[in-house]
Amino acid sequence: MNFGNKNFFLIGMFLAVALAKSIPSLGVNGSILRPELSIGKYGVGLIFLLSGLSLRGSELSKAVSNVKLNGLIQVAIFAAWPFLIGIPLKAVLSQVNLVPSALIDGLLILTCLPTTVNMCIMLTSSSGGDVAAAICNAVISNMAGIFVTPALLFYFFGANIKLPFVEMVLKLCKKVLLPVAIGQGLRATKAKDIYEKNSKGFKRLQEVGFSELCFPLSYSSTVSNGQPLPLFVSGLGLDAKHSVALLAILPTLHLGSLGALFKVFSLPLFQLSRPEIVAAMFCASQKTLAFGLPLINTVFEGNPNLASFVAPLMFIHPLQMTLGSLLLPRIRKYTSFEEDDE
């Protein structure tokens, strides 16, 4: 029982993935679960509403005004990733001839993307990190990514990019900022007292919502006869040896980035708290599928190497969730030390 309580989210994630694998038809829009509504629309909104309800206004204000932390995270996302990881990785892989040049370009494209929205907040919350900082930087990163990512792609590939900037900003506001604002507004009502009296139950409800989000992560955007294909079954048209190579490179890359970022953000120079370090690590280490996939499709539409460009992103998306979830118990112990000191 104690193990189940401590690892509720991790268990829920694996159950969701197992369900997706055993009954893939449940992942189709319009199925009995209606994932486009229960998960994609209302589920995500409920998670962010509860996040807004749980956070004191002072915590959000502090997160927004924390220029040092926010600056470090954004520099890691948009500068360290493409220039300190992407370019050297491309140079090394070009020499060893492990994967074709189009896949190498796909890895470089991956490093130019902003962080995730749902996932980094989800993992930060479940590990006891600074949720306000995670929400703040997820929004900043995806807002900035609308302009910075196309600029980086233009710098590296010379692509002429035209994106629906207003539509993307409005979508982000509707998905994240509006539910958080509603949650903050509810703190002025009796809902605040109800939440605080039943905080453990509401946090468990959030974890259930987080676990549900793992269900669509088990699928790619590839569809056959109206059915979603499991991500690694769809293959994205890659040779088996290239898929294996990606499955060796990407987990190593993600775990290496988690470790390196943790070390950097833990430096005494920055004077960050443990919850801030965890939030920074998750925000700065992840790359978004929701933003990246339509962007890559738009920028490189008609390019014969499009499948190779999106493959690293499609592969790393579930890996980020799986590896992050496996690390949660250890990270939770790390953040709990600071709570005990207080």
Protein backbone atom coordinates (compact mmCIF):
# COMPACT_ATOMS: atom_id res chain seq x y z
CA MET A 1 0.00 0.00 0.00
CA ASN A 2 2.81 2.40 0.93
CA PHE A 3 4.62 1.61 -2.34
CA GLY A 4 1.41 2.29 -4.28
CA ASN A 5 0.89 5.66 -2.60
CA LYS A 6 4.47 6.76 -3.20
CA ASN A 7 4.52 5.61 -6.82
CA PHE A 8 0.90 6.27 -7.78
CA PHE A 9 1.72 8.31 -10.87
CA LEU A 10 4.39 5.87 -12.10
CA ILE A 11 1.99 2.93 -11.73
CA GLY A 12 -0.78 4.90 -13.43
CA MET A 13 1.49 5.78 -16.33
CA PHE A 14 2.40 2.15 -17.02
CA LEU A 15 -1.25 1.09 -16.72
CA ALA A 16 -2.24 3.76 -19.26
CA VAL A 17 0.47 2.63 -21.68
CA ALA A 18 -0.51 -1.03 -21.21
CA LEU A 19 -4.16 -0.18 -21.89
CA ALA A 20 -3.20 1.74 -25.01
CA LYS A 21 -1.20 -1.22 -26.26
CA SER A 22 -3.86 -3.84 -25.51
CA ILE A 23 -6.89 -1.85 -26.77
CA PRO A 24 -5.56 0.66 -29.32
CA SER A 25 -9.05 1.47 -30.62
CA LEU A 26 -9.69 3.44 -27.41
CA GLY A 27 -7.20 6.05 -28.62
CA VAL A 28 -9.30 6.98 -31.66
CA ASN A 29 -11.14 10.30 -31.53
CA GLY A 30 -14.83 9.56 -31.07
CA SER A 31 -14.27 6.25 -29.26
CA ILE A 32 -16.04 5.44 -26.00
CA LEU A 33 -13.35 7.31 -24.03
CA ARG A 34 -13.61 10.40 -26.29
CA PRO A 35 -9.90 11.21 -25.74
CA GLU A 36 -10.20 14.40 -27.79
CA LEU A 37 -12.51 15.73 -25.02
CA SER A 38 -11.75 13.80 -21.82
CA ILE A 39 -7.99 14.12 -22.26
CA GLY A 40 -7.20 16.64 -24.96
CA LYS A 41 -9.68 19.39 -24.08
CA TYR A 42 -11.18 19.12 -20.59
CA GLY A 43 -8.54 16.92 -18.95
CA VAL A 44 -5.67 19.30 -19.67
CA GLY A 45 -7.80 22.29 -18.67
CA LEU A 46 -8.70 20.65 -15.34
CA ILE A 47 -5.03 19.98 -14.57
CA PHE A 48 -4.05 23.59 -15.12
CA LEU A 49 -7.12 24.86 -13.26
CA LEU A 50 -6.13 22.78 -10.22
CA SER A 51 -2.57 24.05 -10.56
CA GLY A 52 -3.86 27.63 -10.48
CA LEU A 53 -6.11 26.84 -7.51
CA SER A 54 -3.24 25.28 -5.55
CA LEU A 55 -0.80 28.17 -6.06
CA ARG A 56 -0.79 31.29 -3.95
CA GLY A 57 -0.80 34.49 -5.99
CA SER A 58 2.51 35.40 -4.35
CA GLU A 59 4.07 32.18 -5.68
CA LEU A 60 3.10 32.98 -9.26
CA SER A 61 4.23 36.59 -8.88
CA LYS A 62 7.55 35.40 -7.47
CA ALA A 63 7.99 32.96 -10.37
CA VAL A 64 7.22 35.59 -13.00
CA SER A 65 9.61 38.10 -11.40
CA ASN A 66 12.43 35.57 -10.93
CA VAL A 67 14.50 36.90 -13.81
CA LYS A 68 17.58 34.87 -12.88
CA LEU A 69 15.81 31.50 -12.90
CA ASN A 70 13.70 32.25 -15.98
CA GLY A 71 16.70 33.57 -17.87
CA LEU A 72 18.80 30.51 -17.06
CA ILE A 73 16.08 28.15 -18.24
CA GLN A 74 15.43 30.00 -21.50
CA VAL A 75 19.15 30.26 -22.28
CA ALA A 76 19.45 26.51 -21.74
CA ILE A 77 16.48 25.83 -24.03
CA PHE A 78 17.29 28.14 -26.93
CA ALA A 79 21.08 28.56 -26.73
CA ALA A 80 22.70 25.63 -24.93
CA TRP A 81 20.63 22.98 -26.70
CA PRO A 82 21.21 24.03 -30.33
CA PHE A 83 24.75 25.43 -30.02
CA LEU A 84 26.33 23.29 -27.28
CA ILE A 85 24.49 20.04 -28.02
CA GLY A 86 22.97 20.20 -31.51
CA ILE A 87 26.00 21.40 -33.49
CA PRO A 88 28.59 19.15 -31.75
CA LEU A 89 26.21 16.16 -32.01
CA LYS A 90 25.78 16.78 -35.74
CA ALA A 91 29.55 16.98 -36.21
CA VAL A 92 30.17 13.71 -34.35
CA LEU A 93 27.36 11.76 -36.03
CA SER A 94 28.44 13.01 -39.46
CA GLN A 95 31.87 11.47 -38.86
CA VAL A 96 30.77 8.06 -37.52
CA ASN A 97 28.14 7.48 -40.23
CA LEU A 98 25.71 5.93 -37.74
CA VAL A 99 22.53 7.52 -39.16
CA PRO A 100 21.77 9.28 -42.47
CA SER A 101 22.26 13.04 -42.80
CA ALA A 102 18.50 13.72 -42.81
CA LEU A 103 18.11 12.13 -39.37
CA ILE A 104 21.10 14.14 -38.13
CA ASP A 105 19.34 17.27 -39.34
CA GLY A 106 16.23 16.05 -37.49
CA LEU A 107 18.25 15.89 -34.28
CA LEU A 108 19.48 19.45 -34.85
CA ILE A 109 15.88 20.59 -35.46
CA LEU A 110 14.89 18.90 -32.20
CA THR A 111 17.40 20.99 -30.23
CA CYS A 112 15.81 24.22 -31.52
CA LEU A 113 12.36 23.54 -30.07
CA PRO A 114 10.85 24.99 -26.85
CA THR A 115 10.01 22.88 -23.81
CA THR A 116 6.85 20.86 -23.31
CA VAL A 117 3.76 22.41 -21.71
CA ASN A 118 1.99 19.50 -20.02
CA MET A 119 4.90 17.19 -19.36
CA CYS A 120 7.40 19.47 -17.63
CA ILE A 121 4.67 20.81 -15.30
CA MET A 122 3.39 17.29 -14.68
CA LEU A 123 6.80 15.92 -13.68
CA THR A 124 7.69 19.01 -11.65
CA SER A 125 4.44 18.75 -9.70
CA SER A 126 4.77 15.00 -9.08
CA SER A 127 8.37 15.38 -7.85
CA GLY A 128 7.74 18.25 -5.42
CA GLY A 129 9.36 20.89 -7.60
CA ASP A 130 8.40 24.54 -8.04
CA VAL A 131 5.17 24.28 -10.06
CA ALA A 132 4.79 28.06 -10.41
CA ALA A 133 8.26 28.28 -11.99
CA ALA A 134 7.44 25.36 -14.32
CA ILE A 135 4.18 26.95 -15.49
CA CYS A 136 5.87 30.31 -15.96
CA ASN A 137 8.74 28.91 -18.04
CA ALA A 138 6.55 26.57 -20.08
CA VAL A 139 4.53 29.60 -21.16
CA ILE A 140 7.58 31.84 -21.71
CA SER A 141 9.36 29.14 -23.72
CA ASN A 142 6.42 28.36 -26.00
CA MET A 143 5.63 32.05 -26.50
CA ALA A 144 9.28 32.78 -27.32
CA GLY A 145 9.50 29.65 -29.44
CA ILE A 146 6.98 31.07 -31.88
CA PHE A 147 9.69 33.54 -32.88
CA VAL A 148 13.01 32.06 -31.69
CA THR A 149 12.63 28.55 -33.13
CA PRO A 150 11.89 29.75 -36.69
CA ALA A 151 14.86 32.13 -36.39
CA LEU A 152 17.13 29.23 -35.36
CA LEU A 153 15.83 27.04 -38.18
CA PHE A 154 16.44 29.88 -40.63
CA TYR A 155 19.98 30.25 -39.26
CA PHE A 156 20.75 26.53 -39.62
CA PHE A 157 18.75 25.63 -42.74
CA GLY A 158 17.83 28.90 -44.45
CA ALA A 159 14.16 27.87 -44.44
CA ASN A 160 11.65 30.56 -45.33
CA ILE A 161 9.12 30.28 -42.52
CA LYS A 162 5.59 31.62 -42.29
CA LEU A 163 3.57 30.69 -39.19
CA PRO A 164 0.12 31.67 -37.83
CA PHE A 165 1.65 33.54 -34.88
CA VAL A 166 -1.62 35.00 -33.53
CA GLU A 167 -3.39 31.63 -33.69
CA MET A 168 -0.53 29.92 -31.83
CA VAL A 169 -0.46 32.57 -29.09
CA LEU A 170 -4.23 32.34 -28.60
CA LYS A 171 -4.07 28.54 -28.42
CA LEU A 172 -1.39 28.70 -25.73
CA CYS A 173 -3.36 31.27 -23.75
CA LYS A 174 -6.52 29.15 -23.96
CA LYS A 175 -4.72 25.93 -23.04
CA VAL A 176 -2.60 27.17 -20.13
CA LEU A 177 -3.13 30.77 -19.03
CA LEU A 178 -6.95 30.78 -18.95
CA PRO A 179 -7.35 27.67 -16.72
CA VAL A 180 -4.59 28.90 -14.39
CA ALA A 181 -6.28 32.33 -14.19
CA ILE A 182 -9.64 30.70 -13.41
CA GLY A 183 -7.97 28.64 -10.69
CA GLN A 184 -6.43 31.79 -9.22
CA GLY A 185 -9.83 33.48 -9.30
CA LEU A 186 -11.40 30.55 -7.43
CA ARG A 187 -8.96 31.15 -4.58
CA ALA A 188 -11.08 34.18 -3.69
CA THR A 189 -14.08 31.90 -3.11
CA LYS A 190 -14.89 28.96 -0.81
CA ALA A 191 -13.21 26.72 -3.38
CA LYS A 192 -9.88 27.66 -1.78
CA ASP A 193 -10.93 26.24 1.60
CA ILE A 194 -12.35 23.11 -0.02
CA TYR A 195 -9.10 22.56 -1.90
CA GLU A 196 -6.87 23.10 1.13
CA LYS A 197 -8.96 20.76 3.31
CA ASN A 198 -8.80 18.07 0.63
CA SER A 199 -5.43 18.90 -0.93
CA LYS A 200 -4.20 15.29 -0.95
CA GLY A 201 -7.31 14.15 -2.78
CA PHE A 202 -7.02 16.93 -5.37
CA LYS A 203 -3.33 16.18 -5.90
CA ARG A 204 -4.22 12.55 -6.47
CA LEU A 205 -6.87 13.71 -8.98
CA GLN A 206 -4.14 15.65 -10.80
CA GLU A 207 -1.98 12.53 -10.89
CA VAL A 208 -4.90 10.59 -12.39
CA GLY A 209 -5.16 13.31 -15.04
CA PHE A 210 -1.41 13.13 -15.65
CA SER A 211 -1.65 9.36 -16.07
CA GLU A 212 -4.48 9.79 -18.61
CA LEU A 213 -2.22 12.07 -20.63
CA CYS A 214 0.18 9.14 -21.02
CA PHE A 215 -2.51 7.30 -23.00
CA PRO A 216 -2.30 9.43 -26.17
CA LEU A 217 1.50 9.62 -25.78
CA SER A 218 1.56 5.92 -26.66
CA TYR A 219 0.43 6.71 -30.19
CA SER A 220 2.02 8.45 -33.09
CA SER A 221 0.15 10.69 -35.47
CA THR A 222 0.21 7.84 -37.98
CA VAL A 223 -3.19 6.31 -38.61
CA SER A 224 -4.10 3.14 -40.46
CA ASN A 225 -7.71 2.36 -41.34
CA GLY A 226 -8.89 4.90 -38.81
CA GLN A 227 -6.78 3.34 -36.02
CA PRO A 228 -3.80 5.02 -34.35
CA LEU A 229 -0.61 3.03 -34.53
CA PRO A 230 1.62 2.55 -31.48
CA LEU A 231 4.54 4.92 -31.87
CA PHE A 232 7.34 2.44 -32.36
CA VAL A 233 5.21 0.16 -34.55
CA SER A 234 4.49 2.90 -37.05
CA GLY A 235 8.23 3.24 -37.64
CA LEU A 236 7.93 6.55 -39.50
CA GLY A 237 9.35 4.85 -42.58
CA LEU A 238 12.81 4.37 -40.99
CA ASP A 239 15.09 1.38 -41.48
CA ALA A 240 15.24 -0.86 -38.42
CA LYS A 241 18.94 -0.12 -37.83
CA HIS A 242 18.28 3.63 -37.89
CA SER A 243 15.39 3.23 -35.45
CA VAL A 244 17.67 1.25 -33.14
CA ALA A 245 20.31 3.95 -33.44
CA LEU A 246 17.79 6.63 -32.45
CA LEU A 247 16.66 4.49 -29.51
CA ALA A 248 20.27 4.43 -28.36
CA ILE A 249 21.04 8.10 -29.00
CA LEU A 250 17.90 9.77 -27.64
CA PRO A 251 17.67 8.18 -24.15
CA THR A 252 21.40 8.86 -23.71
CA LEU A 253 20.89 12.43 -24.86
CA HIS A 254 17.92 13.01 -22.56
CA LEU A 255 19.44 11.41 -19.47
CA GLY A 256 22.71 13.23 -20.14
CA SER A 257 20.88 16.55 -20.40
CA LEU A 258 18.97 15.88 -17.16
CA GLY A 259 22.22 15.14 -15.33
CA ALA A 260 24.15 18.06 -16.82
CA LEU A 261 21.35 20.56 -16.22
CA PHE A 262 20.91 19.34 -12.65
CA LYS A 263 24.61 19.92 -12.02
CA VAL A 264 24.58 23.37 -13.61
CA PHE A 265 21.45 24.59 -11.83
CA SER A 266 22.80 23.21 -8.53
CA LEU A 267 25.92 25.38 -8.67
CA PRO A 268 26.26 27.61 -5.56
CA LEU A 269 26.73 30.53 -7.94
CA PHE A 270 23.03 30.52 -8.83
CA GLN A 271 21.67 30.01 -5.28
CA LEU A 272 18.55 28.13 -6.41
CA SER A 273 16.34 26.19 -4.03
CA ARG A 274 15.84 22.46 -4.57
CA PRO A 275 12.29 22.87 -5.94
CA GLU A 276 13.59 25.54 -8.35
CA ILE A 277 16.44 23.25 -9.48
CA VAL A 278 13.99 20.44 -10.22
CA ALA A 279 11.63 22.73 -12.15
CA ALA A 280 14.54 24.17 -14.12
CA MET A 281 15.91 20.72 -14.90
CA PHE A 282 12.61 19.39 -16.26
CA CYS A 283 11.75 22.57 -18.20
CA ALA A 284 15.18 22.90 -19.80
CA SER A 285 15.62 19.22 -20.69
CA GLN A 286 12.42 18.58 -22.66
CA LYS A 287 11.28 19.29 -26.22
CA THR A 288 7.66 19.75 -27.25
CA LEU A 289 5.79 17.55 -29.73
CA ALA A 290 2.63 19.70 -29.67
CA PHE A 291 4.52 22.76 -30.92
CA GLY A 292 7.29 20.99 -32.83
CA LEU A 293 5.35 18.63 -35.07
CA PRO A 294 3.11 21.24 -36.78
CA LEU A 295 6.07 23.64 -36.98
CA ILE A 296 8.31 21.11 -38.73
CA ASN A 297 5.47 20.09 -41.05
CA THR A 298 4.88 23.75 -41.93
CA VAL A 299 8.51 24.72 -42.41
CA PHE A 300 9.59 21.65 -44.39
CA GLU A 301 6.33 20.88 -46.21
CA GLY A 302 7.06 18.96 -49.41
CA ASN A 303 10.61 18.10 -48.34
CA PRO A 304 11.34 14.42 -49.15
CA ASN A 305 13.18 14.11 -45.81
CA LEU A 306 10.22 15.31 -43.71
CA ALA A 307 9.75 11.91 -42.01
CA SER A 308 13.39 11.89 -40.94
CA PHE A 309 13.10 15.45 -39.64
CA VAL A 310 10.19 14.57 -37.32
CA ALA A 311 11.42 11.10 -36.29
CA PRO A 312 13.71 12.21 -33.42
CA LEU A 313 10.89 14.29 -31.94
CA MET A 314 8.37 11.46 -32.26
CA PHE A 315 10.77 9.03 -30.60
CA ILE A 316 11.90 11.28 -27.74
CA HIS A 317 8.38 12.37 -26.78
CA PRO A 318 7.36 9.17 -24.91
CA LEU A 319 10.96 8.63 -23.75
CA GLN A 320 10.90 11.94 -21.88
CA MET A 321 7.80 10.87 -20.01
CA THR A 322 9.04 7.35 -19.27
CA LEU A 323 12.53 8.32 -18.11
CA GLY A 324 11.26 11.29 -16.11
CA SER A 325 8.65 9.13 -14.40
CA LEU A 326 11.22 6.50 -13.46
CA LEU A 327 13.31 9.19 -11.77
CA LEU A 328 10.40 10.65 -9.78
CA PRO A 329 10.86 8.67 -6.53
CA ARG A 330 14.53 9.68 -6.34
CA ILE A 331 13.84 13.32 -7.18
CA ARG A 332 10.97 13.43 -4.68
CA LYS A 333 13.42 12.35 -1.97
CA TYR A 334 15.76 15.15 -3.06
CA THR A 335 13.08 17.86 -2.80
CA SER A 336 11.71 16.46 0.47
CA PHE A 337 15.02 17.19 2.23
CA GLU A 338 14.43 20.92 1.80
CA GLU A 339 10.86 20.58 3.11
CA ASP A 340 12.23 18.74 6.18
CA ASP A 341 14.79 21.52 6.75
CA GLU A 342 12.01 24.10 6.71
